[in-house]
Amino acid sequence: MIKKITLVLVAALLLVGVASAASAATELKIRSSVYSNPTGDVAITADDFAAFWYDVDDGKSSELVYIDNNQGDNRLDLDDTIAKGDMYYVSKPQKVQSEIGKAFGAPFKPEDADLANYYKMGLFGDEYIALDGNPDELAKLLIEFGASDKKTLSTGEEWELGEGWSLVPQQIDLDGNKVWLQLKKNGVEVDSGIIDTSMGATDEQKTYVYEDSDDRAIFYCYVDAVFRGVESNIVQLKYVFLRSDNVLKIESEDTFGNFDVAGFSVGATDPFVGATLAGGDTLAAGDKALVMESNTAITLDADDDDALYGDVVIHTADTTSPTLRFFLQKSVTVEGAPTAEETPAVEETPVAEETPAVEENVTEENVTAPVNETPAEETPAEETPAETPAPTPTPGFEALFAVAGLLAVSFLVLRRRH
């Protein structure tokens, strides 16, 4: 009996160990290609450095680190110095087609803004929207549904979108053709609109848009279907888009680590004119781009990390002169990555007969629709892959309940045998 109880306790401790391992965070280092005593100028793009932004769906990238090699022998060796102003960071906004633009073509203007296209760019690897294609006004992209993504909401249900934004379909008209959508920020209504989804409505009329004071879209969604039933009223949305209203405004001479902002267009005499970005775009004089220059000299010492911006560094290998090997590197933290080895499965202990689950009570919504209208059970309720996920509970508490259950069951089984 003592041996059996000991086995159960061991199994319980192993479960606790698995739960603890699941909550760990891991730091990863992403590095570029290795450059060995390069001759001539050095151009590093997303083809060479995976930490730079790259939109694989559109095949677009915007970022470049460029070293203007002014060494006397035109070769970079160990202990050489990259002079102040000889290293550049460039990011050129890239025009991409939105998902709603792919569906309905261009132009697509339910309001003032054309939703068919917009601009993206990277900023030291982080993805941003470049508002109106300008590299000095950036906003985070929070949501963009893919072509097959859908969101189903009941009237009165509040959908938390992120950064305090939420959407509520308040009512559906008696004919089931129109829906009243309410957009909130931090629980306060900022806008609302009645969207026509009838057979004769255009795709523009079926799209709800909220714009900023400069007529640039912050949020929009396409109302794909409206269902008015006896038990519930349901709205189905597609092509949902949300970008942050917290705009990062960049000004000349702003500092980003070891770089200062030099301007917002490519100059005719810039050494990187003609350089090709990942995806094939070539930098030309006059292009809109965020251009930065190094504000300090960088000496390529052995076994050294020189910070460029944030977690991006230039790392040099531990070599002897004149041999030089270096690469760019960015450190990122991945939350929830397991750090312990997988625990072997433990032989199951016989358990008591399972108790049938109690059916959940469902409260019927009061509606004014006639009884012979379409019931809600005929409504497709496809789950959207892009739905904002619920917060994940902290691992560990479930394991404690599992331990208590195992001990209780084991005690009952052993007591019956005696």
Protein backbone atom coordinates (compact mmCIF):
# COMPACT_ATOMS: atom_id res chain seq x y z
CA MET A 1 0.00 0.00 0.00
CA ILE A 2 2.83 2.40 0.92
CA LYS A 3 4.56 1.72 -2.40
CA LYS A 4 1.39 2.51 -4.34
CA ILE A 5 0.86 5.79 -2.52
CA THR A 6 4.52 6.69 -3.19
CA LEU A 7 4.04 6.09 -6.94
CA VAL A 8 1.02 8.40 -6.95
CA LEU A 9 3.00 11.14 -5.18
CA VAL A 10 5.84 10.81 -7.72
CA ALA A 11 3.34 11.14 -10.58
CA ALA A 12 1.89 14.25 -8.94
CA LEU A 13 5.31 15.89 -8.62
CA LEU A 14 6.06 15.16 -12.28
CA LEU A 15 2.81 16.90 -13.28
CA VAL A 16 3.82 19.98 -11.30
CA GLY A 17 7.22 19.97 -13.07
CA VAL A 18 5.58 19.85 -16.51
CA ALA A 19 3.31 22.82 -15.63
CA SER A 20 6.27 24.88 -14.40
CA ALA A 21 8.31 24.16 -17.55
CA ALA A 22 5.44 25.32 -19.77
CA SER A 23 5.50 28.83 -18.33
CA ALA A 24 9.21 29.56 -18.97
CA ALA A 25 10.48 32.20 -21.42
CA THR A 26 13.40 31.71 -23.80
CA GLU A 27 15.74 34.29 -25.34
CA LEU A 28 16.59 33.66 -28.97
CA LYS A 29 19.33 35.30 -31.01
CA ILE A 30 18.69 35.92 -34.71
CA ARG A 31 21.81 36.65 -36.74
CA SER A 32 22.59 37.71 -40.28
CA SER A 33 24.97 36.17 -42.76
CA VAL A 34 28.63 36.23 -41.70
CA TYR A 35 30.90 38.78 -43.39
CA SER A 36 34.60 37.91 -43.60
CA ASN A 37 37.04 40.74 -44.40
CA PRO A 38 34.59 42.20 -46.93
CA THR A 39 35.90 44.39 -49.74
CA GLY A 40 33.89 47.35 -50.93
CA ASP A 41 30.65 48.54 -49.37
CA VAL A 42 28.45 46.18 -47.35
CA ALA A 43 24.67 46.06 -47.87
CA ILE A 44 22.62 43.98 -45.41
CA THR A 45 18.92 43.37 -46.21
CA ALA A 46 16.20 40.95 -45.07
CA ASP A 47 17.69 38.40 -47.50
CA ASP A 48 20.74 38.36 -45.22
CA PHE A 49 19.17 39.19 -41.83
CA ALA A 50 15.97 37.32 -40.84
CA ALA A 51 15.21 39.81 -38.03
CA PHE A 52 14.40 42.52 -40.59
CA TRP A 53 10.77 42.91 -41.61
CA TYR A 54 9.67 40.84 -44.60
CA ASP A 55 6.09 40.36 -45.82
CA VAL A 56 6.23 36.88 -47.29
CA ASP A 57 2.68 37.10 -48.75
CA ASP A 58 3.49 40.16 -50.85
CA GLY A 59 7.24 39.51 -51.19
CA LYS A 60 8.04 42.97 -49.83
CA SER A 61 10.74 44.28 -47.48
CA SER A 62 11.92 47.78 -46.64
CA GLU A 63 15.09 47.69 -44.52
CA LEU A 64 18.78 48.10 -45.26
CA VAL A 65 21.93 48.52 -43.17
CA TYR A 66 24.66 49.94 -45.39
CA ILE A 67 28.37 50.33 -44.54
CA ASP A 68 30.19 52.87 -46.70
CA ASN A 69 33.65 51.29 -46.73
CA ASN A 70 36.19 54.11 -46.81
CA GLN A 71 39.20 52.05 -45.68
CA GLY A 72 42.42 52.80 -47.57
CA ASP A 73 42.72 49.27 -48.95
CA ASN A 74 38.94 49.05 -49.53
CA ARG A 75 38.81 46.07 -47.15
CA LEU A 76 37.46 45.78 -43.61
CA ASP A 77 39.92 44.09 -41.21
CA LEU A 78 39.92 43.43 -37.49
CA ASP A 79 40.45 46.62 -35.44
CA ASP A 80 39.35 48.84 -38.36
CA THR A 81 37.00 51.68 -37.50
CA ILE A 82 33.75 52.51 -39.29
CA ALA A 83 33.78 56.29 -39.06
CA LYS A 84 30.87 58.32 -37.74
CA GLY A 85 28.38 58.81 -40.58
CA ASP A 86 29.67 55.85 -42.62
CA MET A 87 26.97 53.39 -41.52
CA TYR A 88 23.39 53.93 -42.67
CA TYR A 89 20.00 52.53 -41.77
CA VAL A 90 17.35 52.94 -44.49
CA SER A 91 13.69 51.87 -44.53
CA LYS A 92 11.49 52.53 -47.57
CA PRO A 93 7.68 52.14 -47.23
CA GLN A 94 6.24 49.38 -49.42
CA LYS A 95 2.80 49.55 -51.01
CA VAL A 96 0.73 46.42 -50.32
CA GLN A 97 -2.77 45.42 -51.29
CA SER A 98 -5.20 45.00 -48.40
CA GLU A 99 -7.33 41.88 -48.06
CA ILE A 100 -10.47 43.87 -48.80
CA GLY A 101 -8.70 45.35 -51.84
CA LYS A 102 -7.86 41.86 -53.09
CA ALA A 103 -11.53 40.94 -52.76
CA PHE A 104 -13.17 44.00 -54.32
CA GLY A 105 -10.43 45.69 -56.37
CA ALA A 106 -9.13 49.24 -56.45
CA PRO A 107 -10.17 51.86 -55.70
CA PHE A 108 -12.40 50.85 -52.81
CA LYS A 109 -13.70 53.93 -51.00
CA PRO A 110 -16.68 53.44 -48.68
CA GLU A 111 -15.72 56.79 -47.08
CA ASP A 112 -12.85 59.19 -47.88
CA ALA A 113 -9.98 56.72 -47.51
CA ASP A 114 -9.14 54.23 -50.25
CA LEU A 115 -9.02 50.89 -48.44
CA ALA A 116 -7.64 48.90 -51.37
CA ASN A 117 -3.97 49.61 -50.61
CA TYR A 118 -1.77 50.87 -47.81
CA TYR A 119 1.94 51.05 -46.94
CA LYS A 120 4.04 48.90 -44.62
CA MET A 121 7.64 49.22 -43.47
CA GLY A 122 9.98 47.81 -40.88
CA LEU A 123 11.70 49.73 -38.11
CA PHE A 124 14.64 47.65 -36.89
CA GLY A 125 12.58 44.53 -37.55
CA ASP A 126 9.23 45.68 -36.15
CA GLU A 127 6.34 45.97 -38.63
CA TYR A 128 4.54 49.32 -38.99
CA ILE A 129 2.02 50.99 -41.26
CA ALA A 130 3.46 54.08 -42.93
CA LEU A 131 0.48 56.44 -43.00
CA ASP A 132 -0.11 57.81 -46.51
CA GLY A 133 3.22 56.22 -47.46
CA ASN A 134 5.18 58.67 -45.29
CA PRO A 135 8.11 57.16 -43.34
CA ASP A 136 7.80 59.77 -40.58
CA GLU A 137 4.30 58.75 -39.39
CA LEU A 138 4.07 55.13 -38.28
CA ALA A 139 1.34 53.07 -36.60
CA LYS A 140 1.17 49.45 -35.47
CA LEU A 141 -1.05 47.05 -37.42
CA LEU A 142 -3.25 45.34 -34.81
CA ILE A 143 -5.67 43.22 -36.89
CA GLU A 144 -6.07 42.31 -40.55
CA PHE A 145 -8.30 39.36 -41.36
CA GLY A 146 -7.28 37.00 -44.13
CA ALA A 147 -9.60 36.15 -47.02
CA SER A 148 -11.17 33.17 -45.20
CA ASP A 149 -11.34 34.69 -41.71
CA LYS A 150 -14.74 35.50 -40.23
CA LYS A 151 -16.09 36.78 -36.92
CA THR A 152 -19.58 35.96 -35.70
CA LEU A 153 -21.20 38.16 -33.04
CA SER A 154 -24.60 38.21 -31.36
CA THR A 155 -26.35 41.53 -30.89
CA GLY A 156 -25.19 43.18 -27.69
CA GLU A 157 -21.96 41.14 -27.60
CA GLU A 158 -18.80 43.24 -27.17
CA TRP A 159 -15.73 42.15 -29.12
CA GLU A 160 -12.44 43.29 -27.57
CA LEU A 161 -10.12 44.23 -30.45
CA GLY A 162 -6.98 45.45 -28.67
CA GLU A 163 -5.51 48.70 -27.30
CA GLY A 164 -8.86 49.46 -25.68
CA TRP A 165 -10.89 49.22 -28.91
CA SER A 166 -14.08 47.16 -29.00
CA LEU A 167 -16.99 46.61 -31.39
CA VAL A 168 -20.64 45.95 -30.51
CA PRO A 169 -23.44 45.07 -32.96
CA GLN A 170 -26.26 46.76 -31.07
CA GLN A 171 -29.36 45.99 -33.11
CA ILE A 172 -30.64 44.42 -36.30
CA ASP A 173 -33.73 45.91 -37.97
CA LEU A 174 -37.00 43.96 -38.20
CA ASP A 175 -36.40 43.11 -41.86
CA GLY A 176 -32.95 41.68 -41.07
CA ASN A 177 -31.27 43.93 -43.65
CA LYS A 178 -29.49 46.52 -41.51
CA VAL A 179 -27.24 46.41 -38.46
CA TRP A 180 -26.24 49.15 -36.05
CA LEU A 181 -22.52 48.88 -35.21
CA GLN A 182 -20.98 50.73 -32.28
CA LEU A 183 -17.21 51.30 -31.97
CA LYS A 184 -15.76 52.02 -28.52
CA LYS A 185 -12.40 53.05 -27.07
CA ASN A 186 -11.83 52.25 -23.39
CA GLY A 187 -15.53 51.57 -22.98
CA VAL A 188 -16.67 54.91 -24.43
CA GLU A 189 -18.41 55.19 -27.81
CA VAL A 190 -16.30 56.98 -30.41
CA ASP A 191 -18.43 56.22 -33.48
CA SER A 192 -21.38 54.22 -34.73
CA GLY A 193 -23.06 53.52 -38.03
CA ILE A 194 -25.97 51.68 -39.64
CA ILE A 195 -24.80 49.28 -42.34
CA ASP A 196 -27.10 48.16 -45.16
CA THR A 197 -26.68 44.47 -46.06
CA SER A 198 -29.71 44.08 -48.31
CA MET A 199 -29.52 42.38 -51.71
CA GLY A 200 -29.27 45.70 -53.52
CA ALA A 201 -26.52 47.17 -51.34
CA THR A 202 -23.04 47.66 -52.80
CA ASP A 203 -19.89 46.28 -51.20
CA GLU A 204 -19.00 49.82 -50.15
CA GLN A 205 -22.37 50.17 -48.41
CA LYS A 206 -21.76 46.89 -46.57
CA THR A 207 -18.45 48.22 -45.16
CA TYR A 208 -18.21 50.14 -41.90
CA VAL A 209 -15.23 52.52 -41.64
CA TYR A 210 -13.87 54.73 -38.87
CA GLU A 211 -11.26 57.29 -39.93
CA ASP A 212 -9.00 59.73 -38.09
CA SER A 213 -9.13 63.50 -38.56
CA ASP A 214 -6.90 63.19 -41.65
CA ASP A 215 -9.32 60.74 -43.34
CA ARG A 216 -7.05 57.74 -42.75
CA ALA A 217 -8.75 54.47 -41.80
CA ILE A 218 -8.25 53.28 -38.22
CA PHE A 219 -10.88 50.51 -38.27
CA TYR A 220 -13.08 48.91 -40.87
CA CYS A 221 -15.05 45.71 -41.37
CA TYR A 222 -17.26 44.21 -44.04
CA VAL A 223 -20.67 42.92 -42.93
CA ASP A 224 -20.92 39.62 -44.76
CA ALA A 225 -24.27 38.47 -43.38
CA VAL A 226 -27.00 39.38 -40.90
CA PHE A 227 -29.34 36.79 -39.35
CA ARG A 228 -32.44 37.65 -37.38
CA GLY A 229 -33.85 34.66 -35.53
CA VAL A 230 -36.23 33.64 -32.80
CA GLU A 231 -33.59 32.96 -30.17
CA SER A 232 -30.77 35.27 -31.24
CA ASN A 233 -29.67 37.84 -33.80
CA ILE A 234 -26.26 37.31 -35.38
CA VAL A 235 -23.83 39.34 -37.49
CA GLN A 236 -20.98 37.86 -39.50
CA LEU A 237 -17.97 40.08 -40.32
CA LYS A 238 -15.12 39.74 -42.81
CA TYR A 239 -12.02 41.77 -43.79
CA VAL A 240 -11.64 43.26 -40.31
CA PHE A 241 -8.81 45.80 -40.09
CA LEU A 242 -7.51 47.77 -37.10
CA ARG A 243 -4.41 49.88 -36.72
CA SER A 244 -3.23 51.75 -33.66
CA ASP A 245 -4.27 55.36 -33.21
CA ASN A 246 -1.02 55.95 -31.28
CA VAL A 247 1.07 57.36 -34.11
CA LEU A 248 4.87 57.32 -33.89
CA LYS A 249 5.95 60.65 -35.36
CA ILE A 250 9.62 60.79 -36.34
CA GLU A 251 11.47 64.07 -36.83
CA SER A 252 14.81 65.00 -38.32
CA GLU A 253 17.72 64.58 -35.89
CA ASP A 254 15.73 62.15 -33.71
CA THR A 255 18.08 59.55 -32.24
CA PHE A 256 17.62 55.78 -32.44
CA GLY A 257 20.51 54.22 -30.53
CA ASN A 258 23.70 54.80 -32.53
CA PHE A 259 21.76 56.36 -35.43
CA ASP A 260 20.44 59.89 -36.02
CA VAL A 261 17.62 60.62 -38.46
CA ALA A 262 19.15 62.35 -41.50
CA GLY A 263 15.99 62.75 -43.58
CA PHE A 264 12.94 61.19 -45.20
CA SER A 265 14.03 60.73 -48.78
CA VAL A 266 16.95 59.17 -50.64
CA GLY A 267 19.53 61.79 -51.66
CA ALA A 268 21.17 61.79 -55.06
CA THR A 269 24.64 61.48 -53.51
CA ASP A 270 23.80 58.87 -50.86
CA PRO A 271 26.19 55.91 -51.24
CA PHE A 272 23.33 53.37 -51.09
CA VAL A 273 21.57 54.71 -54.22
CA GLY A 274 21.00 51.69 -56.45
CA ALA A 275 21.04 49.17 -53.59
CA THR A 276 18.39 46.45 -53.93
CA LEU A 277 16.11 45.55 -51.02
CA ALA A 278 14.85 42.04 -50.32
CA GLY A 279 11.90 41.55 -52.64
CA GLY A 280 13.56 43.38 -55.52
CA ASP A 281 12.82 47.06 -54.90
CA THR A 282 15.76 49.33 -55.76
CA LEU A 283 16.55 52.53 -53.88
CA ALA A 284 16.52 55.56 -56.18
CA ALA A 285 17.15 59.25 -55.59
CA GLY A 286 13.97 60.98 -54.43
CA ASP A 287 12.35 57.85 -52.99
CA LYS A 288 10.42 58.36 -49.76
CA ALA A 289 12.46 56.56 -47.09
CA LEU A 290 13.57 56.87 -43.49
CA VAL A 291 17.31 57.57 -43.67
CA MET A 292 19.59 57.41 -40.61
CA GLU A 293 23.34 57.87 -40.21
CA SER A 294 25.60 56.49 -37.47
CA ASN A 295 26.29 59.09 -34.79
CA THR A 296 29.44 57.45 -33.44
CA ALA A 297 32.50 55.63 -34.72
CA ILE A 298 32.44 51.82 -34.42
CA THR A 299 35.73 49.96 -33.94
CA LEU A 300 35.62 46.32 -34.98
CA ASP A 301 37.37 44.79 -31.96
CA ALA A 302 37.65 41.02 -31.47
CA ASP A 303 34.83 39.24 -29.63
CA ASP A 304 32.74 42.38 -29.19
CA ASP A 305 29.12 43.52 -29.44
CA ASP A 306 28.48 47.10 -30.61
CA ALA A 307 24.86 48.16 -30.06
CA LEU A 308 23.17 49.74 -33.08
CA TYR A 309 19.62 50.16 -31.79
CA GLY A 310 17.69 48.33 -29.08
CA ASP A 311 18.55 44.63 -29.20
CA VAL A 312 20.28 44.88 -32.59
CA VAL A 313 24.08 44.65 -32.38
CA ILE A 314 27.03 44.11 -34.68
CA HIS A 315 28.98 41.14 -33.33
CA THR A 316 32.63 40.45 -34.17
CA ALA A 317 34.21 37.02 -33.75
CA ASP A 318 37.15 36.25 -31.45
CA THR A 319 39.87 36.25 -34.12
CA THR A 320 43.41 37.63 -34.52
CA SER A 321 44.33 40.50 -36.80
CA PRO A 322 43.77 40.97 -39.68
CA THR A 323 41.08 38.25 -39.82
CA LEU A 324 37.63 39.76 -39.35
CA ARG A 325 34.28 38.01 -39.17
CA PHE A 326 31.13 39.85 -38.13
CA PHE A 327 27.35 39.68 -38.35
CA LEU A 328 24.24 41.58 -37.21
CA GLN A 329 22.30 40.02 -34.35
CA LYS A 330 18.97 40.69 -32.65
CA SER A 331 17.86 39.17 -29.34
CA VAL A 332 14.17 38.30 -28.96
CA THR A 333 12.27 36.76 -26.06
CA VAL A 334 9.73 34.01 -26.73
CA GLU A 335 7.17 33.69 -23.95
CA GLY A 336 5.99 30.28 -22.83
CA ALA A 337 8.75 28.30 -24.55
CA PRO A 338 9.48 25.03 -22.70
CA THR A 339 12.94 24.82 -21.15
CA ALA A 340 12.74 21.37 -19.52
CA GLU A 341 12.86 18.02 -21.29
CA GLU A 342 9.56 16.29 -21.89
CA THR A 343 8.53 14.21 -18.87
CA PRO A 344 7.88 10.49 -19.59
CA ALA A 345 4.28 9.36 -19.30
CA VAL A 346 3.33 7.80 -15.95
CA GLU A 347 1.20 4.65 -15.81
CA GLU A 348 -2.40 5.60 -15.11
CA THR A 349 -3.97 4.84 -11.72
CA PRO A 350 -7.47 3.27 -11.91
CA VAL A 351 -10.04 5.99 -11.42
CA ALA A 352 -13.65 6.06 -10.34
CA GLU A 353 -16.47 6.06 -12.87
CA GLU A 354 -16.79 9.39 -14.66
CA THR A 355 -19.70 11.60 -13.64
CA PRO A 356 -21.82 12.82 -16.61
CA ALA A 357 -21.40 16.53 -17.36
CA VAL A 358 -24.27 18.79 -16.36
CA GLU A 359 -25.86 20.54 -19.33
CA GLU A 360 -25.19 24.28 -19.34
CA ASN A 361 -28.22 26.57 -19.02
CA VAL A 362 -28.66 28.94 -21.94
CA THR A 363 -30.61 32.19 -21.48
CA GLU A 364 -32.85 33.05 -24.42
CA GLU A 365 -32.49 36.58 -25.75
CA ASN A 366 -35.66 38.71 -26.01
CA VAL A 367 -36.26 39.54 -29.66
CA THR A 368 -39.09 41.14 -31.58
CA ALA A 369 -38.84 38.97 -34.71
CA PRO A 370 -41.90 36.91 -35.77
CA VAL A 371 -41.89 33.25 -34.75
CA ASN A 372 -41.73 31.98 -38.33
CA GLU A 373 -38.42 33.72 -39.07
CA THR A 374 -35.11 31.89 -39.45
CA PRO A 375 -34.03 30.19 -36.21
CA ALA A 376 -30.53 30.84 -34.93
CA GLU A 377 -29.60 27.13 -35.11
CA GLU A 378 -29.57 27.40 -38.93
CA THR A 379 -26.97 30.17 -38.71
CA PRO A 380 -23.43 29.17 -39.64
CA ALA A 381 -21.26 29.93 -36.62
CA GLU A 382 -17.88 29.35 -38.10
CA GLU A 383 -15.09 30.15 -35.69
CA THR A 384 -12.64 32.77 -36.96
CA PRO A 385 -8.92 31.97 -36.82
CA ALA A 386 -8.17 35.69 -36.33
CA GLU A 387 -10.47 36.09 -33.33
CA THR A 388 -8.79 37.85 -30.46
CA PRO A 389 -7.83 35.01 -28.09
CA ALA A 390 -8.84 34.99 -24.45
CA PRO A 391 -6.00 35.54 -21.98
CA THR A 392 -4.21 32.30 -21.21
CA PRO A 393 -4.35 31.38 -17.51
CA THR A 394 -1.04 31.03 -15.71
CA PRO A 395 0.04 27.38 -15.75
CA GLY A 396 0.41 25.62 -12.41
CA PHE A 397 -2.98 25.86 -10.72
CA GLU A 398 -4.44 23.16 -12.97
CA ALA A 399 -1.62 20.88 -11.88
CA LEU A 400 -2.53 21.37 -8.22
CA PHE A 401 -6.11 20.31 -8.92
CA ALA A 402 -4.82 17.29 -10.85
CA VAL A 403 -2.61 16.30 -7.89
CA ALA A 404 -5.52 16.56 -5.45
CA GLY A 405 -7.70 14.46 -7.75
CA LEU A 406 -5.07 11.74 -8.13
CA LEU A 407 -4.53 11.48 -4.37
CA ALA A 408 -8.26 11.32 -3.65
CA VAL A 409 -8.89 8.62 -6.26
CA SER A 410 -5.92 6.55 -5.09
CA PHE A 411 -7.08 6.72 -1.50
CA LEU A 412 -10.58 5.50 -2.44
CA VAL A 413 -9.26 2.64 -4.60
CA LEU A 414 -6.85 1.37 -1.91
CA ARG A 415 -9.50 1.70 0.82
CA ARG A 416 -11.96 -0.46 -1.15
CA ARG A 417 -9.31 -3.18 -1.65
CA HIS A 418 -8.79 -3.41 2.14
